[in-house]
Amino acid sequence: MVLVRATTLDDWQPMRDIRLEALRQAPDAFASTYDRETAFEAAEWHRRATRDGSFLAFIPELAVPAGLVGGFEQEPGVAELVSMFVRPQARGHGVGEALIDAVAAWAQNRSATSVHLWVSETNKPAIRLYERCGFTVTPERQPLPSNPALGEVGMTRPL
């Protein structure tokens, strides 16, 4: 069973921990870097934890959050899914799907008609997860901001 809930100010440290773990473990999966975000002051983590559209996932097997995801309005009617990460020990338990569903529900509550994301074209497991959850690859391509030698592909899911 997976529990997903919106983050609160009390979540800032666990949120920081899982985000930094994500950036350490999968540096080519994110637009940011570990060095950049490890330097953030507590106030930045407070802001992120209280931002509408940020979610943590929990499973009984773990004493710490199992996953993290964020959503924000990219443009009217389009929600952007960002910062998706599932801890390795939580994979295979439906955490990724539950986090995606949380962002989709959040987006629908804001009258969005689609969810969009960018994913590293080399991250085949993530692409497969997104496809299972109804996303399709778009013609969009761009360099990965944290490593311009790699490319990202856009994906979208109608709501």
C-alpha atoms as a PDB file:
ATOM      1  CA  MET A   1       0.000   0.000   0.000  1.00  0.00           C
ATOM      2  CA  VAL A   2       1.290   3.435  -0.961  1.00  0.00           C
ATOM      3  CA  LEU A   3       0.286   6.628   0.828  1.00  0.00           C
ATOM      4  CA  VAL A   4       0.905   9.896  -1.006  1.00  0.00           C
ATOM      5  CA  ARG A   5       0.329  13.250   0.617  1.00  0.00           C
ATOM      6  CA  ALA A   6       1.136  16.885   0.008  1.00  0.00           C
ATOM      7  CA  THR A   7       4.235  18.130   1.763  1.00  0.00           C
ATOM      8  CA  THR A   8       4.122  20.540   4.690  1.00  0.00           C
ATOM      9  CA  LEU A   9       6.712  22.695   6.396  1.00  0.00           C
ATOM     10  CA  ASP A  10       7.440  19.795   8.774  1.00  0.00           C
ATOM     11  CA  ASP A  11       8.596  17.762   5.764  1.00  0.00           C
ATOM     12  CA  TRP A  12      11.391  20.077   4.702  1.00  0.00           C
ATOM     13  CA  GLN A  13      14.245  17.935   6.068  1.00  0.00           C
ATOM     14  CA  PRO A  14      12.985  14.564   4.760  1.00  0.00           C
ATOM     15  CA  MET A  15      12.201  16.287   1.462  1.00  0.00           C
ATOM     16  CA  ARG A  16      15.722  17.721   1.344  1.00  0.00           C
ATOM     17  CA  ASP A  17      17.212  14.312   2.160  1.00  0.00           C
ATOM     18  CA  ILE A  18      15.350  12.452  -0.585  1.00  0.00           C
ATOM     19  CA  ARG A  19      16.002  15.189  -3.152  1.00  0.00           C
ATOM     20  CA  LEU A  20      19.743  15.204  -2.435  1.00  0.00           C
ATOM     21  CA  GLU A  21      19.774  11.401  -2.541  1.00  0.00           C
ATOM     22  CA  ALA A  22      18.096  11.562  -5.949  1.00  0.00           C
ATOM     23  CA  LEU A  23      20.670  14.026  -7.263  1.00  0.00           C
ATOM     24  CA  ARG A  24      23.548  11.881  -5.918  1.00  0.00           C
ATOM     25  CA  GLN A  25      22.207   8.568  -7.209  1.00  0.00           C
ATOM     26  CA  ALA A  26      20.906   9.731 -10.586  1.00  0.00           C
ATOM     27  CA  PRO A  27      22.810  12.879 -11.576  1.00  0.00           C
ATOM     28  CA  ASP A  28      21.841  12.541 -15.241  1.00  0.00           C
ATOM     29  CA  ALA A  29      18.125  12.292 -14.493  1.00  0.00           C
ATOM     30  CA  PHE A  30      17.561  15.840 -13.256  1.00  0.00           C
ATOM     31  CA  ALA A  31      17.946  19.374 -14.536  1.00  0.00           C
ATOM     32  CA  SER A  32      19.691  20.427 -11.315  1.00  0.00           C
ATOM     33  CA  THR A  33      22.796  19.124  -9.551  1.00  0.00           C
ATOM     34  CA  TYR A  34      23.723  17.863  -6.104  1.00  0.00           C
ATOM     35  CA  ASP A  35      26.336  20.633  -5.693  1.00  0.00           C
ATOM     36  CA  ARG A  36      23.771  23.318  -6.511  1.00  0.00           C
ATOM     37  CA  GLU A  37      21.045  22.055  -4.192  1.00  0.00           C
ATOM     38  CA  THR A  38      23.220  20.986  -1.268  1.00  0.00           C
ATOM     39  CA  ALA A  39      24.144  24.670  -0.953  1.00  0.00           C
ATOM     40  CA  PHE A  40      20.501  25.759  -0.496  1.00  0.00           C
ATOM     41  CA  GLU A  41      19.663  27.445   2.793  1.00  0.00           C
ATOM     42  CA  ALA A  42      16.898  26.028   4.978  1.00  0.00           C
ATOM     43  CA  ALA A  43      14.585  28.802   3.750  1.00  0.00           C
ATOM     44  CA  GLU A  44      14.683  27.379   0.204  1.00  0.00           C
ATOM     45  CA  TRP A  45      13.733  23.927   1.496  1.00  0.00           C
ATOM     46  CA  HIS A  46      10.946  25.509   3.568  1.00  0.00           C
ATOM     47  CA  ARG A  47       9.641  27.199   0.407  1.00  0.00           C
ATOM     48  CA  ARG A  48       9.756  23.948  -1.543  1.00  0.00           C
ATOM     49  CA  ALA A  49       8.058  21.947   1.200  1.00  0.00           C
ATOM     50  CA  THR A  50       5.176  24.410   1.418  1.00  0.00           C
ATOM     51  CA  ARG A  51       4.780  24.860  -2.350  1.00  0.00           C
ATOM     52  CA  ASP A  52       1.449  23.676  -3.700  1.00  0.00           C
ATOM     53  CA  GLY A  53       1.988  20.594  -5.857  1.00  0.00           C
ATOM     54  CA  SER A  54       4.789  18.897  -3.860  1.00  0.00           C
ATOM     55  CA  PHE A  55       4.168  15.328  -2.691  1.00  0.00           C
ATOM     56  CA  LEU A  56       5.886  12.598  -0.685  1.00  0.00           C
ATOM     57  CA  ALA A  57       5.052   8.892  -0.892  1.00  0.00           C
ATOM     58  CA  PHE A  58       5.280   6.402   1.954  1.00  0.00           C
ATOM     59  CA  ILE A  59       5.168   2.606   2.171  1.00  0.00           C
ATOM     60  CA  PRO A  60       5.044   0.548   5.370  1.00  0.00           C
ATOM     61  CA  GLU A  61       8.371  -1.152   4.610  1.00  0.00           C
ATOM     62  CA  LEU A  62      10.337   2.108   4.886  1.00  0.00           C
ATOM     63  CA  ALA A  63      10.761   4.420   7.858  1.00  0.00           C
ATOM     64  CA  VAL A  64      11.580   7.309   5.495  1.00  0.00           C
ATOM     65  CA  PRO A  65       9.663   8.706   2.503  1.00  0.00           C
ATOM     66  CA  ALA A  66       9.699   6.288  -0.433  1.00  0.00           C
ATOM     67  CA  GLY A  67       9.410   8.908  -3.159  1.00  0.00           C
ATOM     68  CA  LEU A  68       9.056  12.536  -4.132  1.00  0.00           C
ATOM     69  CA  VAL A  69       7.411  14.448  -6.966  1.00  0.00           C
ATOM     70  CA  GLY A  70       6.381  17.981  -7.758  1.00  0.00           C
ATOM     71  CA  GLY A  71       3.914  19.667 -10.049  1.00  0.00           C
ATOM     72  CA  PHE A  72       3.482  23.255 -11.133  1.00  0.00           C
ATOM     73  CA  GLU A  73       1.492  25.121 -13.755  1.00  0.00           C
ATOM     74  CA  GLN A  74       3.780  25.437 -16.774  1.00  0.00           C
ATOM     75  CA  GLU A  75       1.217  27.391 -18.759  1.00  0.00           C
ATOM     76  CA  PRO A  76      -2.561  27.697 -18.507  1.00  0.00           C
ATOM     77  CA  GLY A  77      -4.042  24.216 -18.725  1.00  0.00           C
ATOM     78  CA  VAL A  78      -0.691  22.389 -18.578  1.00  0.00           C
ATOM     79  CA  ALA A  79       0.839  21.007 -15.397  1.00  0.00           C
ATOM     80  CA  GLU A  80       4.552  20.182 -15.385  1.00  0.00           C
ATOM     81  CA  LEU A  81       5.656  17.064 -13.475  1.00  0.00           C
ATOM     82  CA  VAL A  82       9.128  17.563 -11.956  1.00  0.00           C
ATOM     83  CA  SER A  83      11.628  16.086  -9.493  1.00  0.00           C
ATOM     84  CA  MET A  84      10.205  12.557  -9.663  1.00  0.00           C
ATOM     85  CA  PHE A  85      12.267  10.087  -7.637  1.00  0.00           C
ATOM     86  CA  VAL A  86      11.550   6.734  -6.020  1.00  0.00           C
ATOM     87  CA  ARG A  87      14.139   5.355  -3.627  1.00  0.00           C
ATOM     88  CA  PRO A  88      15.650   2.114  -4.968  1.00  0.00           C
ATOM     89  CA  GLN A  89      14.385   0.047  -2.034  1.00  0.00           C
ATOM     90  CA  ALA A  90      10.818   1.254  -2.737  1.00  0.00           C
ATOM     91  CA  ARG A  91      10.777   0.438  -6.451  1.00  0.00           C
ATOM     92  CA  GLY A  92       8.349  -2.220  -7.595  1.00  0.00           C
ATOM     93  CA  HIS A  93       5.733  -1.243  -4.989  1.00  0.00           C
ATOM     94  CA  GLY A  94       3.660   1.146  -7.138  1.00  0.00           C
ATOM     95  CA  VAL A  95       5.236   4.285  -5.665  1.00  0.00           C
ATOM     96  CA  GLY A  96       5.987   5.872  -9.048  1.00  0.00           C
ATOM     97  CA  GLU A  97       2.456   5.309 -10.282  1.00  0.00           C
ATOM     98  CA  ALA A  98       0.991   6.716  -7.062  1.00  0.00           C
ATOM     99  CA  LEU A  99       3.143   9.851  -7.290  1.00  0.00           C
ATOM    100  CA  ILE A 100       2.141  10.403 -10.920  1.00  0.00           C
ATOM    101  CA  ASP A 101      -1.520   9.937  -9.989  1.00  0.00           C
ATOM    102  CA  ALA A 102      -1.132  12.537  -7.220  1.00  0.00           C
ATOM    103  CA  VAL A 103       0.222  15.131  -9.659  1.00  0.00           C
ATOM    104  CA  ALA A 104      -2.490  14.277 -12.196  1.00  0.00           C
ATOM    105  CA  ALA A 105      -5.231  14.708  -9.561  1.00  0.00           C
ATOM    106  CA  TRP A 106      -3.632  17.956  -8.353  1.00  0.00           C
ATOM    107  CA  ALA A 107      -3.532  19.204 -11.965  1.00  0.00           C
ATOM    108  CA  GLN A 108      -7.147  18.254 -12.630  1.00  0.00           C
ATOM    109  CA  ASN A 109      -8.217  20.167  -9.515  1.00  0.00           C
ATOM    110  CA  ARG A 110      -6.613  23.224 -11.123  1.00  0.00           C
ATOM    111  CA  SER A 111      -8.450  22.663 -14.414  1.00  0.00           C
ATOM    112  CA  ALA A 112      -5.380  21.477 -16.297  1.00  0.00           C
ATOM    113  CA  THR A 113      -6.097  19.429 -19.400  1.00  0.00           C
ATOM    114  CA  SER A 114      -2.697  17.719 -19.559  1.00  0.00           C
ATOM    115  CA  VAL A 115       0.465  16.892 -17.640  1.00  0.00           C
ATOM    116  CA  HIS A 116       3.846  17.396 -19.300  1.00  0.00           C
ATOM    117  CA  LEU A 117       7.334  16.308 -18.257  1.00  0.00           C
ATOM    118  CA  TRP A 118      10.913  16.133 -19.452  1.00  0.00           C
ATOM    119  CA  VAL A 119      12.897  12.923 -19.072  1.00  0.00           C
ATOM    120  CA  SER A 120      16.466  12.072 -19.990  1.00  0.00           C
ATOM    121  CA  GLU A 121      16.369  10.041 -23.195  1.00  0.00           C
ATOM    122  CA  THR A 122      18.807   7.568 -21.590  1.00  0.00           C
ATOM    123  CA  ASN A 123      16.489   6.914 -18.610  1.00  0.00           C
ATOM    124  CA  LYS A 124      14.628   3.962 -20.130  1.00  0.00           C
ATOM    125  CA  PRO A 125      13.063   2.729 -16.837  1.00  0.00           C
ATOM    126  CA  ALA A 126      11.502   6.165 -16.242  1.00  0.00           C
ATOM    127  CA  ILE A 127      10.253   6.379 -19.826  1.00  0.00           C
ATOM    128  CA  ARG A 128       8.624   2.935 -19.458  1.00  0.00           C
ATOM    129  CA  LEU A 129       6.974   4.022 -16.177  1.00  0.00           C
ATOM    130  CA  TYR A 130       5.603   7.183 -17.758  1.00  0.00           C
ATOM    131  CA  GLU A 131       4.312   5.248 -20.768  1.00  0.00           C
ATOM    132  CA  ARG A 132       2.554   2.751 -18.449  1.00  0.00           C
ATOM    133  CA  CYS A 133       0.916   5.755 -16.786  1.00  0.00           C
ATOM    134  CA  GLY A 134      -0.476   7.117 -20.059  1.00  0.00           C
ATOM    135  CA  PHE A 135       2.276   9.493 -21.196  1.00  0.00           C
ATOM    136  CA  THR A 136       3.417   9.589 -24.811  1.00  0.00           C
ATOM    137  CA  VAL A 137       6.662  10.958 -26.196  1.00  0.00           C
ATOM    138  CA  THR A 138       6.316  14.296 -27.980  1.00  0.00           C
ATOM    139  CA  PRO A 139       8.579  15.661 -30.739  1.00  0.00           C
ATOM    140  CA  GLU A 140      10.169  18.008 -28.158  1.00  0.00           C
ATOM    141  CA  ARG A 141      13.881  17.622 -27.505  1.00  0.00           C
ATOM    142  CA  GLN A 142      16.295  19.734 -25.483  1.00  0.00           C
ATOM    143  CA  PRO A 143      19.695  19.386 -23.805  1.00  0.00           C
ATOM    144  CA  LEU A 144      19.593  18.254 -20.177  1.00  0.00           C
ATOM    145  CA  PRO A 145      20.331  21.485 -18.254  1.00  0.00           C
ATOM    146  CA  SER A 146      22.635  19.751 -15.748  1.00  0.00           C
ATOM    147  CA  ASN A 147      24.556  17.912 -18.498  1.00  0.00           C
ATOM    148  CA  PRO A 148      24.026  19.401 -21.980  1.00  0.00           C
ATOM    149  CA  ALA A 149      25.830  16.416 -23.543  1.00  0.00           C
ATOM    150  CA  LEU A 150      22.659  14.425 -22.818  1.00  0.00           C
ATOM    151  CA  GLY A 151      19.245  15.032 -24.294  1.00  0.00           C
ATOM    152  CA  GLU A 152      15.788  15.146 -22.806  1.00  0.00           C
ATOM    153  CA  VAL A 153      12.513  14.223 -24.461  1.00  0.00           C
ATOM    154  CA  GLY A 154       9.141  15.741 -23.697  1.00  0.00           C
ATOM    155  CA  MET A 155       6.226  13.530 -22.710  1.00  0.00           C
ATOM    156  CA  THR A 156       2.593  14.422 -22.218  1.00  0.00           C
ATOM    157  CA  ARG A 157      -0.548  12.838 -20.765  1.00  0.00           C
ATOM    158  CA  PRO A 158      -4.070  14.132 -21.328  1.00  0.00           C
ATOM    159  CA  LEU A 159      -6.311  14.469 -18.280  1.00  0.00           C
END
